[in-house]
């Protein structure tokens, strides 16, 4: 079924929920349109591009008593949940640091959206959101006063690479790395006092992880004789057969998020406990701070919404 406009789609009484997948710059206005029309909303990450927009969307969803969630599909992967369970069980002891990275090589002629500030381009929002997701999932959103960031900017004014460090109580640090100037390790390493966990690659849709701990009871601070246990959890359902052409890596993993949202709405929830709006707002404030430090500015930053 096709529509001549977003307004026509939002007005269709047969539509119950809308997945927002427009460029980042338009998410806020699209979300508000759909919520006002009485539709539940699942928005592609980042749901918004500043904290003010997050507050607007949250207020409208609360007013309309509708479901709203930022589409952090990674959080619903079996691997993500298994890693959280492993940490909670004490598999690597107390977490002391984290490193999460995601990067690839891109060019303006190949993906011009990434290089255009009017579309909220840049590495931070396009791929940095995933390392940030992992850090927030394991350690929680950081205090913005404990965030430091540096970046390499493009001629168009967006970030080509961004590196950020989050400091938590007790001296725990997390490092975020993102880029579209070259491929990074594209994984997550969570370091504990007695071992570490590393995800498979790419970290936004992992199918496995490895836990490395000390071998037996022998002290081995450097884990030179560490015992490695690798857990593989292939995506289910498997990727269906497709005609030759591009298919986003791990895209069948969206079924986990879709199922979770369907169940939440069926239970009458307006948020999902796995990805609450309070966390979306907290991380939007963190990204506002990172942007301020690296000088990443967008044309609508002083406007009430994205394109007002």
Protein backbone atom coordinates (compact mmCIF):
# COMPACT_ATOMS: atom_id res chain seq x y z
CA UNK A 1 0.00 0.00 0.00
CA UNK A 2 1.43 3.36 -1.03
CA UNK A 3 0.73 6.87 0.24
CA UNK A 4 1.18 10.25 -1.39
CA UNK A 5 2.45 11.80 1.84
CA UNK A 6 3.45 11.01 5.40
CA UNK A 7 0.29 12.79 6.50
CA UNK A 8 -1.82 10.37 4.47
CA UNK A 9 -0.04 7.40 6.02
CA UNK A 10 -0.54 8.76 9.53
CA UNK A 11 -4.25 9.31 8.83
CA UNK A 12 -4.88 5.71 7.73
CA UNK A 13 -7.01 4.05 10.44
CA UNK A 14 -5.63 0.63 9.48
CA UNK A 15 -2.09 1.64 10.50
CA UNK A 16 -1.39 0.91 14.18
CA UNK A 17 2.35 1.44 14.43
CA UNK A 18 4.88 3.28 12.27
CA UNK A 19 8.58 2.53 11.90
CA UNK A 20 10.40 5.81 11.26
CA UNK A 21 13.31 5.21 8.88
CA UNK A 22 13.79 8.62 7.28
CA UNK A 23 17.12 10.49 7.54
CA UNK A 24 17.99 11.43 11.12
CA UNK A 25 17.17 15.10 10.62
CA UNK A 26 13.49 14.34 10.08
CA UNK A 27 12.88 11.81 12.85
CA UNK A 28 11.51 14.26 15.41
CA UNK A 29 8.94 15.81 13.09
CA UNK A 30 7.91 12.42 11.70
CA UNK A 31 7.52 10.99 15.21
CA UNK A 32 5.39 13.92 16.36
CA UNK A 33 3.20 13.62 13.25
CA UNK A 34 2.53 9.94 13.85
CA UNK A 35 1.95 10.28 17.59
CA UNK A 36 -0.47 13.14 17.03
CA UNK A 37 -2.37 10.88 14.62
CA UNK A 38 -2.65 8.18 17.27
CA UNK A 39 0.03 5.78 16.01
CA UNK A 40 2.53 3.87 18.10
CA UNK A 41 6.10 4.64 16.99
CA UNK A 42 9.33 2.67 16.70
CA UNK A 43 12.05 4.97 15.40
CA UNK A 44 15.29 4.08 13.70
CA UNK A 45 18.32 5.12 15.74
CA UNK A 46 19.12 7.80 16.62
CA UNK A 47 15.54 8.55 17.54
CA UNK A 48 16.40 12.24 17.78
CA UNK A 49 19.49 14.39 17.35
CA UNK A 50 19.35 16.40 20.56
CA UNK A 51 17.86 16.17 24.04
CA UNK A 52 15.25 18.85 23.38
CA UNK A 53 13.76 16.73 20.60
CA UNK A 54 13.73 13.70 22.91
CA UNK A 55 11.75 15.68 25.49
CA UNK A 56 9.24 16.80 22.84
CA UNK A 57 8.66 13.25 21.61
CA UNK A 58 8.41 11.82 25.12
CA UNK A 59 5.87 14.46 26.13
CA UNK A 60 3.71 13.80 23.08
CA UNK A 61 3.79 10.01 23.59
CA UNK A 62 2.80 10.49 27.24
CA UNK A 63 -0.01 12.87 26.26
CA UNK A 64 -1.38 10.42 23.69
CA UNK A 65 -0.71 7.32 25.84
CA UNK A 66 1.12 5.67 22.94
CA UNK A 67 4.14 3.38 22.66
CA UNK A 68 7.43 5.04 21.71
CA UNK A 69 10.88 3.46 21.48
CA UNK A 70 14.24 4.15 19.91
CA UNK A 71 15.06 1.27 17.58
CA UNK A 72 18.22 -0.07 19.18
CA UNK A 73 17.84 -3.51 17.61
CA UNK A 74 21.16 -4.73 19.03
CA UNK A 75 19.76 -4.69 22.54
CA UNK A 76 17.28 -7.46 21.68
CA UNK A 77 19.81 -9.87 20.19
CA UNK A 78 20.25 -13.11 22.17
CA UNK A 79 23.98 -12.40 22.39
CA UNK A 80 23.43 -9.03 24.07
CA UNK A 81 21.18 -10.59 26.66
CA UNK A 82 23.58 -13.50 27.22
CA UNK A 83 26.48 -11.11 27.79
CA UNK A 84 24.53 -9.17 30.39
CA UNK A 85 23.67 -12.42 32.14
CA UNK A 86 27.32 -13.52 32.09
CA UNK A 87 28.44 -10.26 33.68
CA UNK A 88 25.67 -10.42 36.29
CA UNK A 89 26.75 -13.97 37.17
CA UNK A 90 30.29 -12.78 37.91
CA UNK A 91 31.90 -14.52 34.94
CA UNK A 92 34.60 -11.84 34.62
CA UNK A 93 34.36 -10.25 38.04
CA UNK A 94 33.78 -6.54 38.52
CA UNK A 95 33.83 -4.59 35.25
CA UNK A 96 36.76 -2.14 35.19
CA UNK A 97 36.75 -0.86 31.59
CA UNK A 98 35.13 -1.16 28.18
CA UNK A 99 36.09 -0.41 24.60
CA UNK A 100 33.54 -0.35 21.79
CA UNK A 101 34.18 0.58 18.18
CA UNK A 102 32.42 0.67 14.84
CA UNK A 103 33.80 2.12 11.64
CA UNK A 104 33.97 1.66 7.90
CA UNK A 105 35.26 3.44 4.82
CA UNK A 106 32.80 5.64 2.97
CA UNK A 107 32.96 8.40 0.37
CA UNK A 108 30.62 11.32 -0.43
CA UNK A 109 29.79 9.89 -3.85
CA UNK A 110 28.85 6.52 -2.32
CA UNK A 111 26.79 7.69 0.66
CA UNK A 112 26.34 11.48 0.50
CA UNK A 113 23.94 11.53 3.46
CA UNK A 114 26.81 10.84 5.85
CA UNK A 115 28.58 14.03 4.81
CA UNK A 116 25.63 16.45 4.91
CA UNK A 117 25.02 18.39 8.16
CA UNK A 118 21.48 19.28 7.06
CA UNK A 119 20.71 15.53 7.22
CA UNK A 120 22.44 15.08 10.60
CA UNK A 121 25.37 13.37 8.95
CA UNK A 122 28.60 12.29 10.59
CA UNK A 123 30.09 9.18 12.13
CA UNK A 124 28.80 9.86 15.65
CA UNK A 125 25.11 9.53 14.89
CA UNK A 126 25.38 6.98 12.12
CA UNK A 127 27.70 4.41 13.71
CA UNK A 128 28.85 5.85 17.05
CA UNK A 129 25.38 5.21 18.38
CA UNK A 130 26.15 1.47 18.53
CA UNK A 131 29.29 1.65 20.71
CA UNK A 132 27.38 4.09 22.90
CA UNK A 133 24.50 1.62 23.11
CA UNK A 134 26.80 -1.12 24.38
CA UNK A 135 28.42 1.14 26.95
CA UNK A 136 25.08 2.36 28.24
CA UNK A 137 23.71 -1.18 28.32
CA UNK A 138 26.58 -2.47 30.48
CA UNK A 139 27.50 0.56 32.59
CA UNK A 140 24.50 2.87 32.25
CA UNK A 141 24.48 6.40 30.79
CA UNK A 142 27.49 8.41 32.00
CA UNK A 143 27.45 11.72 33.82
CA UNK A 144 27.94 14.33 31.07
CA UNK A 145 30.48 16.09 33.32
CA UNK A 146 32.63 12.95 32.95
CA UNK A 147 32.55 12.84 29.15
CA UNK A 148 35.52 13.87 27.02
CA UNK A 149 35.61 13.72 23.22
CA UNK A 150 37.78 14.51 20.22
CA UNK A 151 37.06 14.24 16.51
CA UNK A 152 38.36 14.71 13.00
CA UNK A 153 35.96 16.84 10.99
CA UNK A 154 35.22 16.83 7.26
CA UNK A 155 35.19 19.91 5.04
CA UNK A 156 31.39 19.80 5.12
CA UNK A 157 31.41 20.17 8.90
CA UNK A 158 30.49 16.69 10.13
CA UNK A 159 32.69 14.29 12.06
CA UNK A 160 34.62 11.69 10.07
CA UNK A 161 35.97 10.08 13.24
CA UNK A 162 35.02 10.57 16.87
CA UNK A 163 36.67 9.23 20.00
CA UNK A 164 35.04 9.65 23.41
CA UNK A 165 35.81 8.51 26.94
CA UNK A 166 33.20 8.10 29.67
CA UNK A 167 34.33 8.00 33.31
CA UNK A 168 32.20 6.23 35.90
CA UNK A 169 32.40 6.04 39.70
CA UNK A 170 35.28 3.98 41.01
CA UNK A 171 37.55 4.88 38.11
CA UNK A 172 35.76 2.69 35.56
CA UNK A 173 36.30 3.98 32.02
CA UNK A 174 34.60 3.27 28.71
CA UNK A 175 36.00 4.23 25.33
CA UNK A 176 33.89 4.87 22.23
CA UNK A 177 35.39 4.91 18.75
CA UNK A 178 33.57 5.49 15.46
CA UNK A 179 34.60 6.36 11.93
CA UNK A 180 33.69 6.37 8.27
CA UNK A 181 37.31 6.92 7.22
CA UNK A 182 38.33 3.30 7.66
CA UNK A 183 37.37 -0.06 9.11
CA UNK A 184 37.78 -0.39 12.86
CA UNK A 185 37.77 -3.54 14.99
CA UNK A 186 33.96 -3.26 15.08
CA UNK A 187 33.63 -5.17 18.32
CA UNK A 188 33.13 -4.64 22.03
CA UNK A 189 35.54 -5.68 24.78
CA UNK A 190 34.36 -5.66 28.39
CA UNK A 191 37.23 -6.04 30.87
CA UNK A 192 36.65 -7.41 34.34
CA UNK A 193 38.94 -8.09 37.28
CA UNK A 194 39.16 -11.80 36.45
CA UNK A 195 38.68 -11.91 32.68
CA UNK A 196 37.13 -10.24 29.68
CA UNK A 197 34.32 -10.63 27.17
CA UNK A 198 34.64 -9.84 23.47
CA UNK A 199 31.77 -9.80 21.01
CA UNK A 200 31.88 -11.18 17.51
CA UNK A 201 31.95 -8.68 14.66
CA UNK A 202 30.18 -6.51 13.75
CA UNK A 203 29.03 -5.50 17.21
CA UNK A 204 25.68 -4.09 16.13
CA UNK A 205 24.42 -7.56 15.15
CA UNK A 206 26.65 -10.08 16.96
CA UNK A 207 26.17 -13.80 16.61
CA UNK A 208 28.61 -14.81 19.32
CA UNK A 209 31.00 -13.78 22.05
CA UNK A 210 34.10 -15.08 23.80
CA UNK A 211 34.78 -15.11 27.52
CA UNK A 212 38.42 -15.36 28.57
CA UNK A 213 39.15 -16.06 32.23
CA UNK A 214 42.04 -17.40 34.31
CA UNK A 215 42.82 -21.07 33.87
CA UNK A 216 41.95 -22.89 37.08
CA UNK A 217 43.00 -21.36 40.38
CA UNK A 218 46.50 -20.34 39.30
CA UNK A 219 47.08 -16.60 39.54
CA UNK A 220 47.65 -15.15 36.10
CA UNK A 221 47.09 -11.38 36.15
CA UNK A 222 47.88 -11.03 32.43
CA UNK A 223 45.69 -13.97 31.37
CA UNK A 224 48.64 -15.40 29.45
CA UNK A 225 47.23 -18.83 30.22
CA UNK A 226 43.63 -17.72 30.07
CA UNK A 227 40.83 -20.15 29.37
CA UNK A 228 38.67 -19.09 26.43
CA UNK A 229 35.05 -20.15 26.08
CA UNK A 230 33.31 -19.08 22.87
CA UNK A 231 29.54 -19.00 22.63
CA UNK A 232 27.94 -18.91 19.19
CA UNK A 233 24.29 -17.99 18.81
CA UNK A 234 23.38 -17.86 15.11
CA UNK A 235 20.57 -15.55 14.17
CA UNK A 236 17.16 -17.16 14.12
CA UNK A 237 15.44 -17.22 11.73
CA UNK A 238 18.35 -17.66 9.32
CA UNK A 239 18.67 -15.21 6.45
CA UNK A 240 16.09 -16.16 3.82
CA UNK A 241 17.19 -16.90 0.30
CA UNK A 242 17.36 -13.70 -1.70
CA UNK A 243 18.00 -12.78 -5.28
CA UNK A 244 21.56 -11.56 -5.90
CA UNK A 245 22.06 -8.09 -4.52
CA UNK A 246 22.73 -6.19 -1.32
CA UNK A 247 21.24 -7.28 1.98
CA UNK A 248 22.31 -5.55 5.18
CA UNK A 249 24.46 -7.83 7.30
CA UNK A 250 22.46 -9.57 10.00
CA UNK A 251 19.24 -7.84 8.97
CA UNK A 252 17.13 -10.83 9.93
CA UNK A 253 18.02 -9.88 13.50
CA UNK A 254 15.41 -7.13 13.33
CA UNK A 255 12.89 -9.86 14.11
CA UNK A 256 13.99 -9.79 17.78
CA UNK A 257 13.21 -6.10 18.13
CA UNK A 258 9.96 -6.36 16.16
CA UNK A 259 8.75 -9.23 18.34
CA UNK A 260 9.64 -7.37 21.54
CA UNK A 261 7.76 -4.27 20.44
CA UNK A 262 4.73 -6.30 19.38
CA UNK A 263 4.63 -8.02 22.76
CA UNK A 264 5.03 -4.75 24.66
CA UNK A 265 2.16 -3.08 22.81
CA UNK A 266 0.05 -6.20 23.32
CA UNK A 267 0.64 -5.85 27.06
CA UNK A 268 -0.47 -2.23 27.00
CA UNK A 269 3.01 -0.82 27.63
CA UNK A 270 4.00 2.61 26.32
CA UNK A 271 7.74 1.91 26.69
CA UNK A 272 9.88 -1.21 26.58
CA UNK A 273 11.82 -1.91 29.79
CA UNK A 274 14.80 -3.07 27.74
CA UNK A 275 15.09 0.31 25.99
CA UNK A 276 13.24 2.91 28.10
CA UNK A 277 12.79 6.50 27.02
CA UNK A 278 14.69 7.70 30.08
CA UNK A 279 17.81 6.08 28.64
CA UNK A 280 17.20 7.58 25.20
CA UNK A 281 16.96 11.02 26.83
CA UNK A 282 20.06 10.46 28.96
CA UNK A 283 22.14 9.40 25.96
CA UNK A 284 20.79 12.29 23.88
CA UNK A 285 22.24 14.59 26.54
CA UNK A 286 25.55 12.72 26.34
CA UNK A 287 25.61 13.16 22.57
CA UNK A 288 24.78 16.86 22.99
CA UNK A 289 27.88 17.13 25.17
CA UNK A 290 30.05 15.22 22.69
CA UNK A 291 28.83 17.43 19.85
CA UNK A 292 29.60 20.57 21.86
CA UNK A 293 33.14 19.36 22.53
CA UNK A 294 33.92 18.37 18.93
CA UNK A 295 32.10 21.27 17.28
CA UNK A 296 29.47 19.23 15.43
CA UNK A 297 26.64 21.66 14.64
CA UNK A 298 23.41 21.20 12.71
CA UNK A 299 21.28 23.91 11.06
CA UNK A 300 18.22 23.36 13.29
CA UNK A 301 20.01 23.19 16.65
CA UNK A 302 18.26 26.34 17.88
CA UNK A 303 14.85 25.43 16.45
CA UNK A 304 12.04 23.75 18.36
CA UNK A 305 12.06 20.72 16.08
CA UNK A 306 14.24 19.34 13.31
CA UNK A 307 13.01 21.37 10.37
CA UNK A 308 10.98 24.17 11.98
